[in-house]
């Protein structure tokens, strides 16, 4: 066969390579894939079923992120299935091109995921920086994030196939089999997006802290004004309407605060679990510490 060869005897693999193709790791891939497919599939169903959920900018970015992570779930299931089939048929040699195509949903998915995460970060930044005009959708931002995510998905796959070696490998993973430009290009791209996300995250937190203090002072003034109005004779209906409008605005603000805190936690987990390991790998494999 051109794509897979089973006549070559099993090569001597490193412990890490053995672990990567082990049954336990592939079962773990299945568990993560099922979780990604079920949770993100359910989210996409809700967005498709209920039009009201598509009415806010933040929800559109959440939907885009769910779609990308659904593709990642497909990629994980595909990789685990391929590994288990190869193991059951005692296949130990794979062409580089085949392995890159097997990993393409993961490659494109992870690349696009950085863009959708950046979109969420920018959305929360605009909500905190301009709270009174945030309700209007920023069509330019939405179009830019969606278009760039779509482009980067296919661009990452294209870079992984560019100049690929026609030979074979005993390990069917993207890092081992991708073309010569992939490692450096991916590392630079991952670092730039991570820096943008982290910078947006820190800026958002600073503005959020400042706006929270301003909101607290405003609410104290409103409370004092309401107390003074209650002490003075006046139009009870006007006072009641003003109070109702103020309570409505306060509830809206509270919702945005809760959403901002939730997205801030997501971005914090992203920074710890993705940006930091990627930075360490970059410095030791591409950066100044490479030997």
C-alpha atoms as a PDB file:
ATOM      1  CA  UNK A   1       0.000   0.000   0.000  1.00  0.00           C
ATOM      2  CA  UNK A   2       1.171   3.557  -0.755  1.00  0.00           C
ATOM      3  CA  UNK A   3      -0.207   5.284   2.336  1.00  0.00           C
ATOM      4  CA  UNK A   4       0.355   2.585   4.943  1.00  0.00           C
ATOM      5  CA  UNK A   5       2.950  -0.172   5.096  1.00  0.00           C
ATOM      6  CA  UNK A   6       2.548  -3.177   7.401  1.00  0.00           C
ATOM      7  CA  UNK A   7       5.484  -5.220   6.135  1.00  0.00           C
ATOM      8  CA  UNK A   8       8.068  -3.223   8.076  1.00  0.00           C
ATOM      9  CA  UNK A   9       8.859  -4.730  11.496  1.00  0.00           C
ATOM     10  CA  UNK A  10       7.900  -2.735  14.597  1.00  0.00           C
ATOM     11  CA  UNK A  11      10.483   0.020  15.178  1.00  0.00           C
ATOM     12  CA  UNK A  12      12.062   0.840  18.492  1.00  0.00           C
ATOM     13  CA  UNK A  13       9.904   3.629  19.911  1.00  0.00           C
ATOM     14  CA  UNK A  14      10.686   6.027  22.716  1.00  0.00           C
ATOM     15  CA  UNK A  15       8.544   5.781  25.874  1.00  0.00           C
ATOM     16  CA  UNK A  16       6.749   8.974  24.812  1.00  0.00           C
ATOM     17  CA  UNK A  17       5.929   7.512  21.385  1.00  0.00           C
ATOM     18  CA  UNK A  18       4.684   4.320  23.007  1.00  0.00           C
ATOM     19  CA  UNK A  19       2.484   6.346  25.322  1.00  0.00           C
ATOM     20  CA  UNK A  20       1.100   8.427  22.443  1.00  0.00           C
ATOM     21  CA  UNK A  21      -0.127   5.338  20.586  1.00  0.00           C
ATOM     22  CA  UNK A  22      -1.203   3.350  23.655  1.00  0.00           C
ATOM     23  CA  UNK A  23      -4.755   2.126  24.202  1.00  0.00           C
ATOM     24  CA  UNK A  24      -5.119   4.205  27.365  1.00  0.00           C
ATOM     25  CA  UNK A  25      -4.276   7.473  25.582  1.00  0.00           C
ATOM     26  CA  UNK A  26      -6.602   6.652  22.702  1.00  0.00           C
ATOM     27  CA  UNK A  27      -9.434   5.897  25.128  1.00  0.00           C
ATOM     28  CA  UNK A  28      -8.710   9.255  26.766  1.00  0.00           C
ATOM     29  CA  UNK A  29      -8.945  10.862  23.315  1.00  0.00           C
ATOM     30  CA  UNK A  30     -12.355   9.225  22.868  1.00  0.00           C
ATOM     31  CA  UNK A  31     -13.563  10.522  26.243  1.00  0.00           C
ATOM     32  CA  UNK A  32     -12.438  14.084  25.452  1.00  0.00           C
ATOM     33  CA  UNK A  33     -13.894  13.810  21.935  1.00  0.00           C
ATOM     34  CA  UNK A  34     -17.280  12.630  23.211  1.00  0.00           C
ATOM     35  CA  UNK A  35     -17.363  15.463  25.722  1.00  0.00           C
ATOM     36  CA  UNK A  36     -16.451  18.034  23.043  1.00  0.00           C
ATOM     37  CA  UNK A  37     -18.972  16.638  20.568  1.00  0.00           C
ATOM     38  CA  UNK A  38     -21.840  16.376  23.054  1.00  0.00           C
ATOM     39  CA  UNK A  39     -21.427  19.707  24.878  1.00  0.00           C
ATOM     40  CA  UNK A  40     -20.574  21.808  21.830  1.00  0.00           C
ATOM     41  CA  UNK A  41     -23.114  20.000  19.681  1.00  0.00           C
ATOM     42  CA  UNK A  42     -25.791  20.804  22.252  1.00  0.00           C
ATOM     43  CA  UNK A  43     -24.721  24.459  22.287  1.00  0.00           C
ATOM     44  CA  UNK A  44     -24.874  24.637  18.490  1.00  0.00           C
ATOM     45  CA  UNK A  45     -28.346  23.064  18.565  1.00  0.00           C
ATOM     46  CA  UNK A  46     -29.528  25.729  21.012  1.00  0.00           C
ATOM     47  CA  UNK A  47     -28.093  28.522  18.870  1.00  0.00           C
ATOM     48  CA  UNK A  48     -29.738  27.065  15.753  1.00  0.00           C
ATOM     49  CA  UNK A  49     -33.058  26.437  17.523  1.00  0.00           C
ATOM     50  CA  UNK A  50     -33.490  29.731  19.379  1.00  0.00           C
ATOM     51  CA  UNK A  51     -33.011  32.914  17.408  1.00  0.00           C
ATOM     52  CA  UNK A  52     -32.829  35.039  20.559  1.00  0.00           C
ATOM     53  CA  UNK A  53     -29.498  33.410  21.456  1.00  0.00           C
ATOM     54  CA  UNK A  54     -28.010  34.785  18.251  1.00  0.00           C
ATOM     55  CA  UNK A  55     -29.011  38.313  19.191  1.00  0.00           C
ATOM     56  CA  UNK A  56     -25.847  39.350  21.036  1.00  0.00           C
ATOM     57  CA  UNK A  57     -22.284  39.753  19.884  1.00  0.00           C
ATOM     58  CA  UNK A  58     -20.844  37.689  22.732  1.00  0.00           C
ATOM     59  CA  UNK A  59     -23.193  34.788  21.977  1.00  0.00           C
ATOM     60  CA  UNK A  60     -22.103  34.767  18.335  1.00  0.00           C
ATOM     61  CA  UNK A  61     -18.471  34.385  19.405  1.00  0.00           C
ATOM     62  CA  UNK A  62     -19.457  31.626  21.830  1.00  0.00           C
ATOM     63  CA  UNK A  63     -21.265  29.852  18.975  1.00  0.00           C
ATOM     64  CA  UNK A  64     -18.192  30.195  16.733  1.00  0.00           C
ATOM     65  CA  UNK A  65     -15.991  28.793  19.484  1.00  0.00           C
ATOM     66  CA  UNK A  66     -18.409  25.878  19.973  1.00  0.00           C
ATOM     67  CA  UNK A  67     -18.292  25.101  16.235  1.00  0.00           C
ATOM     68  CA  UNK A  68     -14.491  25.083  16.239  1.00  0.00           C
ATOM     69  CA  UNK A  69     -14.311  22.870  19.327  1.00  0.00           C
ATOM     70  CA  UNK A  70     -16.857  20.501  17.733  1.00  0.00           C
ATOM     71  CA  UNK A  71     -14.403  20.081  14.829  1.00  0.00           C
ATOM     72  CA  UNK A  72     -11.598  19.460  17.342  1.00  0.00           C
ATOM     73  CA  UNK A  73     -13.748  16.716  18.882  1.00  0.00           C
ATOM     74  CA  UNK A  74     -14.116  15.109  15.443  1.00  0.00           C
ATOM     75  CA  UNK A  75     -10.341  15.315  15.006  1.00  0.00           C
ATOM     76  CA  UNK A  76      -9.671  13.620  18.329  1.00  0.00           C
ATOM     77  CA  UNK A  77     -12.092  10.793  17.523  1.00  0.00           C
ATOM     78  CA  UNK A  78     -10.538  10.380  14.063  1.00  0.00           C
ATOM     79  CA  UNK A  79      -7.000  10.251  15.481  1.00  0.00           C
ATOM     80  CA  UNK A  80      -7.958   7.703  18.172  1.00  0.00           C
ATOM     81  CA  UNK A  81      -9.815   5.514  15.654  1.00  0.00           C
ATOM     82  CA  UNK A  82      -6.873   5.538  13.244  1.00  0.00           C
ATOM     83  CA  UNK A  83      -4.399   4.672  15.996  1.00  0.00           C
ATOM     84  CA  UNK A  84      -6.517   1.753  17.243  1.00  0.00           C
ATOM     85  CA  UNK A  85      -7.044   0.386  13.718  1.00  0.00           C
ATOM     86  CA  UNK A  86      -3.315   0.640  12.971  1.00  0.00           C
ATOM     87  CA  UNK A  87      -2.494  -1.092  16.263  1.00  0.00           C
ATOM     88  CA  UNK A  88      -5.011  -3.906  15.671  1.00  0.00           C
ATOM     89  CA  UNK A  89      -3.614  -4.508  12.156  1.00  0.00           C
ATOM     90  CA  UNK A  90       0.036  -4.262  13.340  1.00  0.00           C
ATOM     91  CA  UNK A  91       0.729  -1.331  11.020  1.00  0.00           C
ATOM     92  CA  UNK A  92       3.895   0.474  12.072  1.00  0.00           C
ATOM     93  CA  UNK A  93       4.835   2.693   9.137  1.00  0.00           C
ATOM     94  CA  UNK A  94       2.839   5.657   7.810  1.00  0.00           C
ATOM     95  CA  UNK A  95       3.409   8.219   5.094  1.00  0.00           C
ATOM     96  CA  UNK A  96       3.858  11.784   6.318  1.00  0.00           C
ATOM     97  CA  UNK A  97       1.057  13.058   4.078  1.00  0.00           C
ATOM     98  CA  UNK A  98      -1.472  10.559   5.447  1.00  0.00           C
ATOM     99  CA  UNK A  99      -0.684  11.477   9.041  1.00  0.00           C
ATOM    100  CA  UNK A 100      -0.970  15.196   8.334  1.00  0.00           C
ATOM    101  CA  UNK A 101      -4.397  14.692   6.763  1.00  0.00           C
ATOM    102  CA  UNK A 102      -5.495  12.545   9.731  1.00  0.00           C
ATOM    103  CA  UNK A 103      -4.477  15.394  12.048  1.00  0.00           C
ATOM    104  CA  UNK A 104      -5.856  18.200   9.862  1.00  0.00           C
ATOM    105  CA  UNK A 105      -9.133  18.718  11.839  1.00  0.00           C
ATOM    106  CA  UNK A 106      -7.059  19.167  14.998  1.00  0.00           C
ATOM    107  CA  UNK A 107      -4.526  21.437  13.301  1.00  0.00           C
ATOM    108  CA  UNK A 108      -7.122  23.703  11.722  1.00  0.00           C
ATOM    109  CA  UNK A 109      -9.363  23.527  14.786  1.00  0.00           C
ATOM    110  CA  UNK A 110      -6.688  24.577  17.255  1.00  0.00           C
ATOM    111  CA  UNK A 111      -5.569  27.404  14.960  1.00  0.00           C
ATOM    112  CA  UNK A 112      -9.126  28.743  14.540  1.00  0.00           C
ATOM    113  CA  UNK A 113      -9.767  28.294  18.257  1.00  0.00           C
ATOM    114  CA  UNK A 114      -7.146  30.955  18.998  1.00  0.00           C
ATOM    115  CA  UNK A 115      -9.095  33.413  16.846  1.00  0.00           C
ATOM    116  CA  UNK A 116     -12.470  32.721  18.475  1.00  0.00           C
ATOM    117  CA  UNK A 117     -10.900  33.059  21.939  1.00  0.00           C
ATOM    118  CA  UNK A 118      -9.424  36.393  20.833  1.00  0.00           C
ATOM    119  CA  UNK A 119     -12.897  37.410  19.639  1.00  0.00           C
ATOM    120  CA  UNK A 120     -14.349  36.672  23.079  1.00  0.00           C
ATOM    121  CA  UNK A 121     -11.582  38.690  24.719  1.00  0.00           C
ATOM    122  CA  UNK A 122     -12.167  41.671  22.411  1.00  0.00           C
ATOM    123  CA  UNK A 123     -15.917  41.439  22.974  1.00  0.00           C
ATOM    124  CA  UNK A 124     -15.527  41.686  26.749  1.00  0.00           C
ATOM    125  CA  UNK A 125     -13.008  44.495  26.355  1.00  0.00           C
ATOM    126  CA  UNK A 126     -15.501  46.555  24.323  1.00  0.00           C
ATOM    127  CA  UNK A 127     -18.256  45.749  26.835  1.00  0.00           C
ATOM    128  CA  UNK A 128     -16.122  47.036  29.702  1.00  0.00           C
ATOM    129  CA  UNK A 129     -14.603  50.007  27.870  1.00  0.00           C
ATOM    130  CA  UNK A 130     -17.853  51.268  26.276  1.00  0.00           C
ATOM    131  CA  UNK A 131     -20.705  49.867  28.397  1.00  0.00           C
ATOM    132  CA  UNK A 132     -23.327  52.351  27.148  1.00  0.00           C
ATOM    133  CA  UNK A 133     -22.828  51.605  23.438  1.00  0.00           C
ATOM    134  CA  UNK A 134     -21.973  47.905  23.754  1.00  0.00           C
ATOM    135  CA  UNK A 135     -25.559  46.714  23.086  1.00  0.00           C
ATOM    136  CA  UNK A 136     -25.143  47.408  19.370  1.00  0.00           C
ATOM    137  CA  UNK A 137     -23.442  44.641  17.398  1.00  0.00           C
ATOM    138  CA  UNK A 138     -20.064  45.568  15.977  1.00  0.00           C
ATOM    139  CA  UNK A 139     -20.558  44.023  12.540  1.00  0.00           C
ATOM    140  CA  UNK A 140     -16.996  44.807  11.465  1.00  0.00           C
ATOM    141  CA  UNK A 141     -15.519  42.979  14.458  1.00  0.00           C
ATOM    142  CA  UNK A 142     -17.834  39.989  13.986  1.00  0.00           C
ATOM    143  CA  UNK A 143     -17.042  39.760  10.262  1.00  0.00           C
ATOM    144  CA  UNK A 144     -13.296  40.103  10.898  1.00  0.00           C
ATOM    145  CA  UNK A 145     -13.186  37.375  13.561  1.00  0.00           C
ATOM    146  CA  UNK A 146     -15.346  34.946  11.571  1.00  0.00           C
ATOM    147  CA  UNK A 147     -13.427  35.528   8.326  1.00  0.00           C
ATOM    148  CA  UNK A 148     -10.017  35.226   9.981  1.00  0.00           C
ATOM    149  CA  UNK A 149     -11.029  32.041  11.824  1.00  0.00           C
ATOM    150  CA  UNK A 150     -12.217  30.518   8.536  1.00  0.00           C
ATOM    151  CA  UNK A 151      -9.021  31.569   6.758  1.00  0.00           C
ATOM    152  CA  UNK A 152      -6.634  30.430   9.485  1.00  0.00           C
ATOM    153  CA  UNK A 153      -8.314  27.001   9.676  1.00  0.00           C
ATOM    154  CA  UNK A 154      -7.332  26.182   6.090  1.00  0.00           C
ATOM    155  CA  UNK A 155      -4.067  28.152   6.198  1.00  0.00           C
ATOM    156  CA  UNK A 156      -2.782  26.013   9.102  1.00  0.00           C
ATOM    157  CA  UNK A 157      -3.544  22.826   7.163  1.00  0.00           C
ATOM    158  CA  UNK A 158      -1.884  24.269   4.054  1.00  0.00           C
ATOM    159  CA  UNK A 159       1.296  25.169   5.965  1.00  0.00           C
ATOM    160  CA  UNK A 160       1.448  21.681   7.499  1.00  0.00           C
ATOM    161  CA  UNK A 161       1.370  20.147   3.973  1.00  0.00           C
ATOM    162  CA  UNK A 162       3.785  22.648   2.393  1.00  0.00           C
ATOM    163  CA  UNK A 163       7.073  20.996   1.381  1.00  0.00           C
ATOM    164  CA  UNK A 164       6.202  17.766   3.184  1.00  0.00           C
ATOM    165  CA  UNK A 165       8.678  14.871   2.984  1.00  0.00           C
ATOM    166  CA  UNK A 166       7.266  11.986   0.883  1.00  0.00           C
ATOM    167  CA  UNK A 167       8.865   9.454   3.239  1.00  0.00           C
ATOM    168  CA  UNK A 168       7.388   7.446   6.094  1.00  0.00           C
ATOM    169  CA  UNK A 169       7.298   7.648   9.882  1.00  0.00           C
ATOM    170  CA  UNK A 170       6.653   5.209  12.717  1.00  0.00           C
ATOM    171  CA  UNK A 171       4.625   7.801  14.674  1.00  0.00           C
ATOM    172  CA  UNK A 172       1.471   9.269  13.121  1.00  0.00           C
ATOM    173  CA  UNK A 173       1.403  12.682  14.821  1.00  0.00           C
ATOM    174  CA  UNK A 174       1.299  16.156  13.313  1.00  0.00           C
ATOM    175  CA  UNK A 175       4.521  17.429  14.887  1.00  0.00           C
ATOM    176  CA  UNK A 176       6.626  14.590  13.488  1.00  0.00           C
ATOM    177  CA  UNK A 177       5.136  14.461   9.997  1.00  0.00           C
ATOM    178  CA  UNK A 178       4.292  18.074   9.067  1.00  0.00           C
ATOM    179  CA  UNK A 179       6.300  20.075   6.530  1.00  0.00           C
ATOM    180  CA  UNK A 180       9.441  22.037   7.449  1.00  0.00           C
ATOM    181  CA  UNK A 181       7.637  25.378   7.871  1.00  0.00           C
ATOM    182  CA  UNK A 182       4.994  24.110  10.239  1.00  0.00           C
ATOM    183  CA  UNK A 183       6.813  24.069  13.605  1.00  0.00           C
ATOM    184  CA  UNK A 184       8.237  27.586  13.350  1.00  0.00           C
ATOM    185  CA  UNK A 185       5.143  29.114  11.726  1.00  0.00           C
ATOM    186  CA  UNK A 186       2.797  27.494  14.229  1.00  0.00           C
ATOM    187  CA  UNK A 187       4.933  28.580  17.186  1.00  0.00           C
ATOM    188  CA  UNK A 188       5.097  32.206  16.037  1.00  0.00           C
ATOM    189  CA  UNK A 189       1.369  32.276  15.322  1.00  0.00           C
ATOM    190  CA  UNK A 190       0.514  30.675  18.669  1.00  0.00           C
ATOM    191  CA  UNK A 191       2.722  33.142  20.540  1.00  0.00           C
ATOM    192  CA  UNK A 192       1.303  36.195  18.765  1.00  0.00           C
ATOM    193  CA  UNK A 193      -2.319  35.182  19.389  1.00  0.00           C
ATOM    194  CA  UNK A 194      -1.503  34.280  22.993  1.00  0.00           C
ATOM    195  CA  UNK A 195       0.093  37.713  23.520  1.00  0.00           C
ATOM    196  CA  UNK A 196      -2.912  39.465  21.976  1.00  0.00           C
ATOM    197  CA  UNK A 197      -5.345  37.478  24.123  1.00  0.00           C
ATOM    198  CA  UNK A 198      -3.314  37.965  27.292  1.00  0.00           C
ATOM    199  CA  UNK A 199      -2.853  41.685  26.617  1.00  0.00           C
ATOM    200  CA  UNK A 200      -6.581  42.071  25.992  1.00  0.00           C
ATOM    201  CA  UNK A 201      -7.273  40.071  29.151  1.00  0.00           C
ATOM    202  CA  UNK A 202      -5.087  42.288  31.354  1.00  0.00           C
ATOM    203  CA  UNK A 203      -6.510  45.475  29.799  1.00  0.00           C
ATOM    204  CA  UNK A 204     -10.040  44.176  30.337  1.00  0.00           C
ATOM    205  CA  UNK A 205      -9.343  43.376  33.999  1.00  0.00           C
ATOM    206  CA  UNK A 206      -7.908  46.846  34.634  1.00  0.00           C
ATOM    207  CA  UNK A 207     -10.876  48.557  32.980  1.00  0.00           C
ATOM    208  CA  UNK A 208     -13.285  46.207  34.724  1.00  0.00           C
ATOM    209  CA  UNK A 209     -11.839  47.124  38.116  1.00  0.00           C
ATOM    210  CA  UNK A 210     -12.088  50.831  37.288  1.00  0.00           C
ATOM    211  CA  UNK A 211     -15.642  50.582  35.920  1.00  0.00           C
ATOM    212  CA  UNK A 212     -16.748  48.543  38.939  1.00  0.00           C
ATOM    213  CA  UNK A 213     -15.617  51.350  41.261  1.00  0.00           C
ATOM    214  CA  UNK A 214     -17.430  53.917  39.101  1.00  0.00           C
ATOM    215  CA  UNK A 215     -20.579  51.764  39.115  1.00  0.00           C
ATOM    216  CA  UNK A 216     -20.434  51.376  42.876  1.00  0.00           C
ATOM    217  CA  UNK A 217     -20.162  55.144  43.365  1.00  0.00           C
ATOM    218  CA  UNK A 218     -23.025  55.748  40.908  1.00  0.00           C
ATOM    219  CA  UNK A 219     -25.287  53.260  42.679  1.00  0.00           C
ATOM    220  CA  UNK A 220     -24.550  54.914  46.028  1.00  0.00           C
ATOM    221  CA  UNK A 221     -25.525  58.326  44.585  1.00  0.00           C
ATOM    222  CA  UNK A 222     -28.716  56.880  43.089  1.00  0.00           C
ATOM    223  CA  UNK A 223     -29.641  55.316  46.416  1.00  0.00           C
ATOM    224  CA  UNK A 224     -29.093  58.619  48.196  1.00  0.00           C
ATOM    225  CA  UNK A 225     -31.218  60.462  45.612  1.00  0.00           C
ATOM    226  CA  UNK A 226     -34.021  57.940  46.006  1.00  0.00           C
ATOM    227  CA  UNK A 227     -33.957  58.387  49.759  1.00  0.00           C
ATOM    228  CA  UNK A 228     -34.157  62.194  49.357  1.00  0.00           C
ATOM    229  CA  UNK A 229     -37.049  61.910  46.908  1.00  0.00           C
ATOM    230  CA  UNK A 230     -38.962  59.701  49.314  1.00  0.00           C
ATOM    231  CA  UNK A 231     -38.567  62.299  52.033  1.00  0.00           C
ATOM    232  CA  UNK A 232     -39.921  65.114  49.794  1.00  0.00           C
ATOM    233  CA  UNK A 233     -43.526  65.308  48.563  1.00  0.00           C
ATOM    234  CA  UNK A 234     -43.819  64.765  44.805  1.00  0.00           C
ATOM    235  CA  UNK A 235     -45.262  62.720  42.018  1.00  0.00           C
ATOM    236  CA  UNK A 236     -45.229  59.172  43.370  1.00  0.00           C
ATOM    237  CA  UNK A 237     -45.731  57.748  39.858  1.00  0.00           C
ATOM    238  CA  UNK A 238     -42.652  59.544  38.487  1.00  0.00           C
ATOM    239  CA  UNK A 239     -40.541  58.368  41.409  1.00  0.00           C
ATOM    240  CA  UNK A 240     -41.724  54.785  40.947  1.00  0.00           C
ATOM    241  CA  UNK A 241     -40.954  54.855  37.191  1.00  0.00           C
ATOM    242  CA  UNK A 242     -37.492  56.292  37.771  1.00  0.00           C
ATOM    243  CA  UNK A 243     -36.787  53.631  40.346  1.00  0.00           C
ATOM    244  CA  UNK A 244     -38.010  50.881  37.987  1.00  0.00           C
ATOM    245  CA  UNK A 245     -35.798  52.176  35.151  1.00  0.00           C
ATOM    246  CA  UNK A 246     -32.798  52.370  37.442  1.00  0.00           C
ATOM    247  CA  UNK A 247     -33.388  48.827  38.672  1.00  0.00           C
ATOM    248  CA  UNK A 248     -33.667  47.619  35.073  1.00  0.00           C
ATOM    249  CA  UNK A 249     -30.376  49.247  34.115  1.00  0.00           C
ATOM    250  CA  UNK A 250     -28.756  47.859  37.228  1.00  0.00           C
ATOM    251  CA  UNK A 251     -29.900  44.312  36.362  1.00  0.00           C
ATOM    252  CA  UNK A 252     -28.507  44.684  32.836  1.00  0.00           C
ATOM    253  CA  UNK A 253     -25.188  45.835  34.233  1.00  0.00           C
ATOM    254  CA  UNK A 254     -25.109  42.931  36.690  1.00  0.00           C
ATOM    255  CA  UNK A 255     -25.615  40.471  33.837  1.00  0.00           C
ATOM    256  CA  UNK A 256     -22.717  42.004  31.909  1.00  0.00           C
ATOM    257  CA  UNK A 257     -20.537  41.859  35.023  1.00  0.00           C
ATOM    258  CA  UNK A 258     -21.295  38.145  35.529  1.00  0.00           C
ATOM    259  CA  UNK A 259     -20.600  37.430  31.850  1.00  0.00           C
ATOM    260  CA  UNK A 260     -17.339  39.369  31.998  1.00  0.00           C
ATOM    261  CA  UNK A 261     -16.215  37.407  35.066  1.00  0.00           C
ATOM    262  CA  UNK A 262     -17.065  34.118  33.314  1.00  0.00           C
ATOM    263  CA  UNK A 263     -15.126  35.049  30.167  1.00  0.00           C
ATOM    264  CA  UNK A 264     -12.239  36.293  32.346  1.00  0.00           C
ATOM    265  CA  UNK A 265     -12.048  32.845  33.967  1.00  0.00           C
ATOM    266  CA  UNK A 266     -12.084  31.189  30.515  1.00  0.00           C
ATOM    267  CA  UNK A 267      -9.235  33.433  29.377  1.00  0.00           C
ATOM    268  CA  UNK A 268      -7.296  32.712  32.573  1.00  0.00           C
ATOM    269  CA  UNK A 269      -7.584  28.952  31.980  1.00  0.00           C
ATOM    270  CA  UNK A 270      -6.547  29.532  28.352  1.00  0.00           C
ATOM    271  CA  UNK A 271      -3.469  31.474  29.460  1.00  0.00           C
ATOM    272  CA  UNK A 272      -2.411  28.768  31.916  1.00  0.00           C
ATOM    273  CA  UNK A 273      -3.202  25.674  29.833  1.00  0.00           C
ATOM    274  CA  UNK A 274      -2.310  26.931  26.356  1.00  0.00           C
ATOM    275  CA  UNK A 275      -0.267  30.116  26.284  1.00  0.00           C
ATOM    276  CA  UNK A 276       2.238  29.156  28.995  1.00  0.00           C
ATOM    277  CA  UNK A 277       3.098  25.643  27.671  1.00  0.00           C
ATOM    278  CA  UNK A 278       3.306  27.007  24.124  1.00  0.00           C
ATOM    279  CA  UNK A 279       5.710  29.727  25.255  1.00  0.00           C
ATOM    280  CA  UNK A 280       7.937  27.187  27.024  1.00  0.00           C
ATOM    281  CA  UNK A 281       7.968  24.925  23.965  1.00  0.00           C
ATOM    282  CA  UNK A 282       8.724  27.894  21.701  1.00  0.00           C
ATOM    283  CA  UNK A 283      11.744  29.083  23.691  1.00  0.00           C
ATOM    284  CA  UNK A 284      13.312  25.639  23.952  1.00  0.00           C
ATOM    285  CA  UNK A 285      12.632  24.468  20.389  1.00  0.00           C
ATOM    286  CA  UNK A 286      12.556  27.602  18.229  1.00  0.00           C
ATOM    287  CA  UNK A 287      13.775  30.479  20.342  1.00  0.00           C
ATOM    288  CA  UNK A 288      17.041  31.506  21.902  1.00  0.00           C
ATOM    289  CA  UNK A 289      17.459  28.337  23.986  1.00  0.00           C
ATOM    290  CA  UNK A 290      17.437  25.992  20.980  1.00  0.00           C
ATOM    291  CA  UNK A 291      20.719  24.156  20.610  1.00  0.00           C
END
